[in-house]
Each structure stands twice: as C-alpha cells, then as structure tokens.
Amino acid sequence: MRTLSNSLLSAQRSGASLPYVKVEIVAKVGGVTRFDWERLYQGGEPDYFHAIAMPGDGSLIRLRVDPADNKLYWQKV
C-alpha cells in the first residue's frame, strides 16, 4: 500500500466543498511512456523463426517461417 502525499492528506482533512479528489493516471515510468502489451494472434503454430518490424505508419509487421514447408508468412496489423 502506498502512503498519501501531504497535499492529499490535507485535502482529506479539510472541509472542502468539493466531494472528490481528482486523480490522473499516466502510463509513464521515470518520464518514459510505458507501452501496454496486447495479444494480436492466438495461433497454434510451432515455435520457429520469427521477426517483427514497426514501420513509420505505426503498424506492426510479423514474419514467420513454417518449419513444415519452409514457407514465409507475413502479417500486418
């Protein structure tokens, strides 16, 4: 459990007319944005060679080789 800051403690003790304290949650650690991971694919293929690239348009390109037939598959999300 985290302790409350002095400003929050004083707001809690005061008889202020506002019934709430505004809380903002930011996904940053040390000023650096933290990315949330999201599962994009629920595939059942075996583990083998994979590659990932992120072009400038913000998409994600995933490449994989199927060990059964050595075919190259790609997916753009």
PDB file of N, CA and C in Angstrom:
ATOM      1  N   MET A   1       0.847  -1.165   0.000  1.00  0.00           N
ATOM      2  CA  MET A   1       0.000   0.000   0.000  1.00  0.00           C
ATOM      3  C   MET A   1       0.896   1.232   0.000  1.00  0.00           C
ATOM      4  N   ARG A   2       0.501   2.250  -0.751  1.00  0.00           N
ATOM      5  CA  ARG A   2       1.270   3.487  -0.821  1.00  0.00           C
ATOM      6  C   ARG A   2       0.710   4.515   0.149  1.00  0.00           C
ATOM      7  N   THR A   3       1.592   5.371   0.636  1.00  0.00           N
ATOM      8  CA  THR A   3       1.148   6.425   1.545  1.00  0.00           C
ATOM      9  C   THR A   3       0.657   7.620   0.739  1.00  0.00           C
ATOM     10  N   LEU A   4      -0.212   8.423   1.344  1.00  0.00           N
ATOM     11  CA  LEU A   4      -0.736   9.618   0.692  1.00  0.00           C
ATOM     12  C   LEU A   4       0.245  10.772   0.844  1.00  0.00           C
ATOM     13  N   SER A   5       0.291  11.616  -0.172  1.00  0.00           N
ATOM     14  CA  SER A   5       1.154  12.794  -0.089  1.00  0.00           C
ATOM     15  C   SER A   5       0.554  13.794   0.900  1.00  0.00           C
ATOM     16  N   ASN A   6       1.349  14.777   1.307  1.00  0.00           N
ATOM     17  CA  ASN A   6       0.871  15.781   2.262  1.00  0.00           C
ATOM     18  C   ASN A   6      -0.307  16.577   1.700  1.00  0.00           C
ATOM     19  N   SER A   7      -0.295  16.883   0.400  1.00  0.00           N
ATOM     20  CA  SER A   7      -1.402  17.639  -0.185  1.00  0.00           C
ATOM     21  C   SER A   7      -2.689  16.821  -0.177  1.00  0.00           C
ATOM     22  N   LEU A   8      -2.599  15.521  -0.420  1.00  0.00           N
ATOM     23  CA  LEU A   8      -3.798  14.682  -0.363  1.00  0.00           C
ATOM     24  C   LEU A   8      -4.308  14.525   1.065  1.00  0.00           C
ATOM     25  N   LEU A   9      -3.374  14.403   2.018  1.00  0.00           N
ATOM     26  CA  LEU A   9      -3.797  14.299   3.419  1.00  0.00           C
ATOM     27  C   LEU A   9      -4.496  15.571   3.878  1.00  0.00           C
ATOM     28  N   SER A  10      -3.970  16.733   3.496  1.00  0.00           N
ATOM     29  CA  SER A  10      -4.613  17.987   3.902  1.00  0.00           C
ATOM     30  C   SER A  10      -5.965  18.146   3.214  1.00  0.00           C
ATOM     31  N   ALA A  11      -6.104  17.723   1.961  1.00  0.00           N
ATOM     32  CA  ALA A  11      -7.403  17.778   1.279  1.00  0.00           C
ATOM     33  C   ALA A  11      -8.393  16.840   1.938  1.00  0.00           C
ATOM     34  N   GLN A  12      -7.922  15.718   2.413  1.00  0.00           N
ATOM     35  CA  GLN A  12      -8.798  14.758   3.079  1.00  0.00           C
ATOM     36  C   GLN A  12      -9.295  15.301   4.420  1.00  0.00           C
ATOM     37  N   ARG A  13      -8.450  16.031   5.135  1.00  0.00           N
ATOM     38  CA  ARG A  13      -8.819  16.549   6.457  1.00  0.00           C
ATOM     39  C   ARG A  13      -9.620  17.847   6.394  1.00  0.00           C
ATOM     40  N   SER A  14      -9.509  18.569   5.274  1.00  0.00           N
ATOM     41  CA  SER A  14     -10.198  19.859   5.191  1.00  0.00           C
ATOM     42  C   SER A  14     -11.688  19.651   4.929  1.00  0.00           C
ATOM     43  N   GLY A  15     -12.449  20.664   5.236  1.00  0.00           N
ATOM     44  CA  GLY A  15     -13.888  20.623   4.991  1.00  0.00           C
ATOM     45  C   GLY A  15     -14.224  21.240   3.646  1.00  0.00           C
ATOM     46  N   ALA A  16     -13.491  20.899   2.632  1.00  0.00           N
ATOM     47  CA  ALA A  16     -13.688  21.495   1.312  1.00  0.00           C
ATOM     48  C   ALA A  16     -15.063  21.142   0.763  1.00  0.00           C
ATOM     49  N   SER A  17     -15.577  22.025  -0.081  1.00  0.00           N
ATOM     50  CA  SER A  17     -16.905  21.807  -0.641  1.00  0.00           C
ATOM     51  C   SER A  17     -16.901  20.805  -1.789  1.00  0.00           C
ATOM     52  N   LEU A  18     -15.715  20.505  -2.333  1.00  0.00           N
ATOM     53  CA  LEU A  18     -15.654  19.517  -3.409  1.00  0.00           C
ATOM     54  C   LEU A  18     -15.692  18.108  -2.810  1.00  0.00           C
ATOM     55  N   PRO A  19     -16.578  17.254  -3.316  1.00  0.00           N
ATOM     56  CA  PRO A  19     -16.711  15.922  -2.718  1.00  0.00           C
ATOM     57  C   PRO A  19     -15.722  14.892  -3.264  1.00  0.00           C
ATOM     58  N   TYR A  20     -14.760  15.311  -4.062  1.00  0.00           N
ATOM     59  CA  TYR A  20     -13.840  14.346  -4.658  1.00  0.00           C
ATOM     60  C   TYR A  20     -12.447  14.953  -4.810  1.00  0.00           C
ATOM     61  N   VAL A  21     -11.498  14.073  -5.017  1.00  0.00           N
ATOM     62  CA  VAL A  21     -10.136  14.465  -5.329  1.00  0.00           C
ATOM     63  C   VAL A  21      -9.857  13.952  -6.734  1.00  0.00           C
ATOM     64  N   LYS A  22      -9.370  14.828  -7.613  1.00  0.00           N
ATOM     65  CA  LYS A  22      -9.089  14.430  -8.987  1.00  0.00           C
ATOM     66  C   LYS A  22      -7.793  13.627  -9.031  1.00  0.00           C
ATOM     67  N   VAL A  23      -7.857  12.467  -9.683  1.00  0.00           N
ATOM     68  CA  VAL A  23      -6.696  11.593  -9.819  1.00  0.00           C
ATOM     69  C   VAL A  23      -6.442  11.375 -11.309  1.00  0.00           C
ATOM     70  N   GLU A  24      -5.209  11.573 -11.738  1.00  0.00           N
ATOM     71  CA  GLU A  24      -4.826  11.303 -13.113  1.00  0.00           C
ATOM     72  C   GLU A  24      -3.786  10.191 -13.111  1.00  0.00           C
ATOM     73  N   ILE A  25      -4.023   9.167 -13.930  1.00  0.00           N
ATOM     74  CA  ILE A  25      -3.094   8.055 -14.030  1.00  0.00           C
ATOM     75  C   ILE A  25      -2.398   8.153 -15.377  1.00  0.00           C
ATOM     76  N   VAL A  26      -1.085   8.142 -15.355  1.00  0.00           N
ATOM     77  CA  VAL A  26      -0.289   8.276 -16.562  1.00  0.00           C
ATOM     78  C   VAL A  26       0.568   7.022 -16.697  1.00  0.00           C
ATOM     79  N   ALA A  27       0.613   6.458 -17.891  1.00  0.00           N
ATOM     80  CA  ALA A  27       1.400   5.245 -18.135  1.00  0.00           C
ATOM     81  C   ALA A  27       2.849   5.612 -18.429  1.00  0.00           C
ATOM     82  N   LYS A  28       3.506   6.193 -17.440  1.00  0.00           N
ATOM     83  CA  LYS A  28       4.913   6.559 -17.597  1.00  0.00           C
ATOM     84  C   LYS A  28       5.692   6.084 -16.386  1.00  0.00           C
ATOM     85  N   VAL A  29       6.899   5.680 -16.643  1.00  0.00           N
ATOM     86  CA  VAL A  29       7.810   5.293 -15.573  1.00  0.00           C
ATOM     87  C   VAL A  29       9.074   6.118 -15.764  1.00  0.00           C
ATOM     88  N   GLY A  30       9.373   6.982 -14.822  1.00  0.00           N
ATOM     89  CA  GLY A  30      10.549   7.836 -14.930  1.00  0.00           C
ATOM     90  C   GLY A  30      10.495   8.778 -16.117  1.00  0.00           C
ATOM     91  N   GLY A  31       9.291   9.226 -16.493  1.00  0.00           N
ATOM     92  CA  GLY A  31       9.145  10.146 -17.610  1.00  0.00           C
ATOM     93  C   GLY A  31       9.120   9.481 -18.972  1.00  0.00           C
ATOM     94  N   VAL A  32       9.245   8.153 -19.004  1.00  0.00           N
ATOM     95  CA  VAL A  32       9.237   7.408 -20.266  1.00  0.00           C
ATOM     96  C   VAL A  32       7.904   6.672 -20.384  1.00  0.00           C
ATOM     97  N   THR A  33       7.256   6.786 -21.544  1.00  0.00           N
ATOM     98  CA  THR A  33       5.964   6.142 -21.754  1.00  0.00           C
ATOM     99  C   THR A  33       6.108   4.627 -21.701  1.00  0.00           C
ATOM    100  N   ARG A  34       5.227   3.999 -20.941  1.00  0.00           N
ATOM    101  CA  ARG A  34       5.207   2.544 -20.826  1.00  0.00           C
ATOM    102  C   ARG A  34       4.147   2.013 -21.779  1.00  0.00           C
ATOM    103  N   PHE A  35       4.513   1.083 -22.621  1.00  0.00           N
ATOM    104  CA  PHE A  35       3.578   0.527 -23.586  1.00  0.00           C
ATOM    105  C   PHE A  35       2.831  -0.648 -22.973  1.00  0.00           C
ATOM    106  N   ASP A  36       1.554  -0.749 -23.272  1.00  0.00           N
ATOM    107  CA  ASP A  36       0.754  -1.884 -22.832  1.00  0.00           C
ATOM    108  C   ASP A  36       0.792  -2.955 -23.911  1.00  0.00           C
ATOM    109  N   TRP A  37       1.027  -4.188 -23.512  1.00  0.00           N
ATOM    110  CA  TRP A  37       1.103  -5.286 -24.451  1.00  0.00           C
ATOM    111  C   TRP A  37      -0.294  -5.802 -24.745  1.00  0.00           C
ATOM    112  N   GLU A  38      -0.504  -6.199 -25.974  1.00  0.00           N
ATOM    113  CA  GLU A  38      -1.799  -6.705 -26.402  1.00  0.00           C
ATOM    114  C   GLU A  38      -1.566  -7.917 -27.294  1.00  0.00           C
ATOM    115  N   ARG A  39      -2.296  -8.992 -27.030  1.00  0.00           N
ATOM    116  CA  ARG A  39      -2.157 -10.183 -27.859  1.00  0.00           C
ATOM    117  C   ARG A  39      -2.868  -9.941 -29.179  1.00  0.00           C
ATOM    118  N   LEU A  40      -2.151 -10.115 -30.271  1.00  0.00           N
ATOM    119  CA  LEU A  40      -2.709  -9.877 -31.599  1.00  0.00           C
ATOM    120  C   LEU A  40      -3.122 -11.157 -32.296  1.00  0.00           C
ATOM    121  N   TYR A  41      -2.610 -12.285 -31.844  1.00  0.00           N
ATOM    122  CA  TYR A  41      -2.840 -13.525 -32.576  1.00  0.00           C
ATOM    123  C   TYR A  41      -2.868 -14.694 -31.606  1.00  0.00           C
ATOM    124  N   GLN A  42      -3.805 -15.600 -31.766  1.00  0.00           N
ATOM    125  CA  GLN A  42      -3.928 -16.768 -30.903  1.00  0.00           C
ATOM    126  C   GLN A  42      -3.562 -18.028 -31.685  1.00  0.00           C
ATOM    127  N   GLY A  43      -2.510 -17.978 -32.459  1.00  0.00           N
ATOM    128  CA  GLY A  43      -2.146 -19.077 -33.351  1.00  0.00           C
ATOM    129  C   GLY A  43      -1.590 -20.277 -32.626  1.00  0.00           C
ATOM    130  N   GLY A  44      -1.675 -21.396 -33.301  1.00  0.00           N
ATOM    131  CA  GLY A  44      -1.177 -22.628 -32.729  1.00  0.00           C
ATOM    132  C   GLY A  44       0.031 -23.175 -33.461  1.00  0.00           C
ATOM    133  N   GLU A  45       0.726 -22.331 -34.224  1.00  0.00           N
ATOM    134  CA  GLU A  45       1.878 -22.832 -34.963  1.00  0.00           C
ATOM    135  C   GLU A  45       3.035 -23.118 -34.008  1.00  0.00           C
ATOM    136  N   PRO A  46       3.922 -24.037 -34.414  1.00  0.00           N
ATOM    137  CA  PRO A  46       5.064 -24.367 -33.542  1.00  0.00           C
ATOM    138  C   PRO A  46       6.064 -23.222 -33.464  1.00  0.00           C
ATOM    139  N   ASP A  47       6.859 -23.235 -32.413  1.00  0.00           N
ATOM    140  CA  ASP A  47       7.923 -22.244 -32.276  1.00  0.00           C
ATOM    141  C   ASP A  47       8.948 -22.454 -33.386  1.00  0.00           C
ATOM    142  N   TYR A  48       9.302 -21.364 -34.034  1.00  0.00           N
ATOM    143  CA  TYR A  48      10.304 -21.412 -35.100  1.00  0.00           C
ATOM    144  C   TYR A  48      10.772 -19.990 -35.332  1.00  0.00           C
ATOM    145  N   PHE A  49      11.427 -19.715 -36.461  1.00  0.00           N
ATOM    146  CA  PHE A  49      11.980 -18.394 -36.713  1.00  0.00           C
ATOM    147  C   PHE A  49      10.873 -17.348 -36.887  1.00  0.00           C
ATOM    148  N   HIS A  50      11.005 -16.216 -36.181  1.00  0.00           N
ATOM    149  CA  HIS A  50      10.073 -15.094 -36.268  1.00  0.00           C
ATOM    150  C   HIS A  50      10.861 -13.801 -36.395  1.00  0.00           C
ATOM    151  N   ALA A  51      10.207 -12.781 -36.942  1.00  0.00           N
ATOM    152  CA  ALA A  51      10.793 -11.440 -36.992  1.00  0.00           C
ATOM    153  C   ALA A  51       9.656 -10.436 -36.892  1.00  0.00           C
ATOM    154  N   ILE A  52       9.971  -9.253 -36.378  1.00  0.00           N
ATOM    155  CA  ILE A  52       8.967  -8.197 -36.227  1.00  0.00           C
ATOM    156  C   ILE A  52       9.597  -6.884 -36.648  1.00  0.00           C
ATOM    157  N   ALA A  53       8.797  -6.038 -37.286  1.00  0.00           N
ATOM    158  CA  ALA A  53       9.245  -4.693 -37.670  1.00  0.00           C
ATOM    159  C   ALA A  53       8.103  -3.721 -37.451  1.00  0.00           C
ATOM    160  N   MET A  54       8.432  -2.471 -37.128  1.00  0.00           N
ATOM    161  CA  MET A  54       7.431  -1.414 -36.974  1.00  0.00           C
ATOM    162  C   MET A  54       7.764  -0.289 -37.928  1.00  0.00           C
ATOM    163  N   PRO A  55       7.045  -0.185 -39.058  1.00  0.00           N
ATOM    164  CA  PRO A  55       7.280   0.926 -39.984  1.00  0.00           C
ATOM    165  C   PRO A  55       6.793   2.249 -39.398  1.00  0.00           C
ATOM    166  N   GLY A  56       7.068   3.334 -40.088  1.00  0.00           N
ATOM    167  CA  GLY A  56       6.717   4.661 -39.595  1.00  0.00           C
ATOM    168  C   GLY A  56       5.235   4.940 -39.538  1.00  0.00           C
ATOM    169  N   ASP A  57       4.401   4.116 -40.178  1.00  0.00           N
ATOM    170  CA  ASP A  57       2.957   4.365 -40.143  1.00  0.00           C
ATOM    171  C   ASP A  57       2.301   3.836 -38.876  1.00  0.00           C
ATOM    172  N   GLY A  58       3.068   3.232 -37.975  1.00  0.00           N
ATOM    173  CA  GLY A  58       2.535   2.760 -36.698  1.00  0.00           C
ATOM    174  C   GLY A  58       2.029   1.336 -36.730  1.00  0.00           C
ATOM    175  N   SER A  59       2.087   0.671 -37.860  1.00  0.00           N
ATOM    176  CA  SER A  59       1.628  -0.710 -37.939  1.00  0.00           C
ATOM    177  C   SER A  59       2.721  -1.648 -37.422  1.00  0.00           C
ATOM    178  N   LEU A  60       2.368  -2.917 -37.304  1.00  0.00           N
ATOM    179  CA  LEU A  60       3.307  -3.937 -36.865  1.00  0.00           C
ATOM    180  C   LEU A  60       3.341  -5.018 -37.935  1.00  0.00           C
ATOM    181  N   ILE A  61       4.527  -5.387 -38.398  1.00  0.00           N
ATOM    182  CA  ILE A  61       4.670  -6.446 -39.392  1.00  0.00           C
ATOM    183  C   ILE A  61       5.355  -7.631 -38.724  1.00  0.00           C
ATOM    184  N   ARG A  62       4.705  -8.786 -38.815  1.00  0.00           N
ATOM    185  CA  ARG A  62       5.234 -10.016 -38.225  1.00  0.00           C
ATOM    186  C   ARG A  62       5.534 -11.005 -39.346  1.00  0.00           C
ATOM    187  N   LEU A  63       6.735 -11.557 -39.338  1.00  0.00           N
ATOM    188  CA  LEU A  63       7.151 -12.561 -40.313  1.00  0.00           C
ATOM    189  C   LEU A  63       7.470 -13.849 -39.581  1.00  0.00           C
ATOM    190  N   ARG A  64       7.101 -14.960 -40.185  1.00  0.00           N
ATOM    191  CA  ARG A  64       7.457 -16.246 -39.585  1.00  0.00           C
ATOM    192  C   ARG A  64       7.674 -17.270 -40.680  1.00  0.00           C
ATOM    193  N   VAL A  65       8.486 -18.271 -40.386  1.00  0.00           N
ATOM    194  CA  VAL A  65       8.751 -19.373 -41.299  1.00  0.00           C
ATOM    195  C   VAL A  65       8.102 -20.613 -40.712  1.00  0.00           C
ATOM    196  N   ASP A  66       7.340 -21.312 -41.530  1.00  0.00           N
ATOM    197  CA  ASP A  66       6.710 -22.560 -41.102  1.00  0.00           C
ATOM    198  C   ASP A  66       7.716 -23.699 -41.281  1.00  0.00           C
ATOM    199  N   PRO A  67       8.061 -24.433 -40.226  1.00  0.00           N
ATOM    200  CA  PRO A  67       9.091 -25.473 -40.353  1.00  0.00           C
ATOM    201  C   PRO A  67       8.643 -26.654 -41.205  1.00  0.00           C
ATOM    202  N   ALA A  68       7.340 -26.846 -41.368  1.00  0.00           N
ATOM    203  CA  ALA A  68       6.859 -27.995 -42.133  1.00  0.00           C
ATOM    204  C   ALA A  68       7.168 -27.856 -43.623  1.00  0.00           C
ATOM    205  N   ASP A  69       6.996 -26.635 -44.163  1.00  0.00           N
ATOM    206  CA  ASP A  69       7.184 -26.461 -45.604  1.00  0.00           C
ATOM    207  C   ASP A  69       8.157 -25.321 -45.952  1.00  0.00           C
ATOM    208  N   ASN A  70       8.779 -24.712 -44.945  1.00  0.00           N
ATOM    209  CA  ASN A  70       9.723 -23.600 -45.121  1.00  0.00           C
ATOM    210  C   ASN A  70       9.130 -22.420 -45.879  1.00  0.00           C
ATOM    211  N   LYS A  71       7.822 -22.210 -45.753  1.00  0.00           N
ATOM    212  CA  LYS A  71       7.180 -21.053 -46.371  1.00  0.00           C
ATOM    213  C   LYS A  71       7.288 -19.856 -45.442  1.00  0.00           C
ATOM    214  N   LEU A  72       7.397 -18.680 -46.041  1.00  0.00           N
ATOM    215  CA  LEU A  72       7.447 -17.434 -45.278  1.00  0.00           C
ATOM    216  C   LEU A  72       6.044 -16.836 -45.237  1.00  0.00           C
ATOM    217  N   TYR A  73       5.541 -16.584 -44.032  1.00  0.00           N
ATOM    218  CA  TYR A  73       4.233 -15.970 -43.848  1.00  0.00           C
ATOM    219  C   TYR A  73       4.435 -14.585 -43.240  1.00  0.00           C
ATOM    220  N   TRP A  74       3.581 -13.640 -43.598  1.00  0.00           N
ATOM    221  CA  TRP A  74       3.668 -12.298 -43.019  1.00  0.00           C
ATOM    222  C   TRP A  74       2.284 -11.820 -42.633  1.00  0.00           C
ATOM    223  N   GLN A  75       2.252 -10.972 -41.626  1.00  0.00           N
ATOM    224  CA  GLN A  75       1.014 -10.426 -41.084  1.00  0.00           C
ATOM    225  C   GLN A  75       1.262  -8.965 -40.771  1.00  0.00           C
ATOM    226  N   LYS A  76       0.342  -8.100 -41.200  1.00  0.00           N
ATOM    227  CA  LYS A  76       0.450  -6.662 -40.901  1.00  0.00           C
ATOM    228  C   LYS A  76      -0.760  -6.248 -40.069  1.00  0.00           C
ATOM    229  N   VAL A  77      -0.510  -5.647 -38.934  1.00  0.00           N
ATOM    230  CA  VAL A  77      -1.574  -5.198 -38.025  1.00  0.00           C
ATOM    231  C   VAL A  77      -1.405  -3.725 -37.782  1.00  0.00           C
TER     232      VAL A  77
END
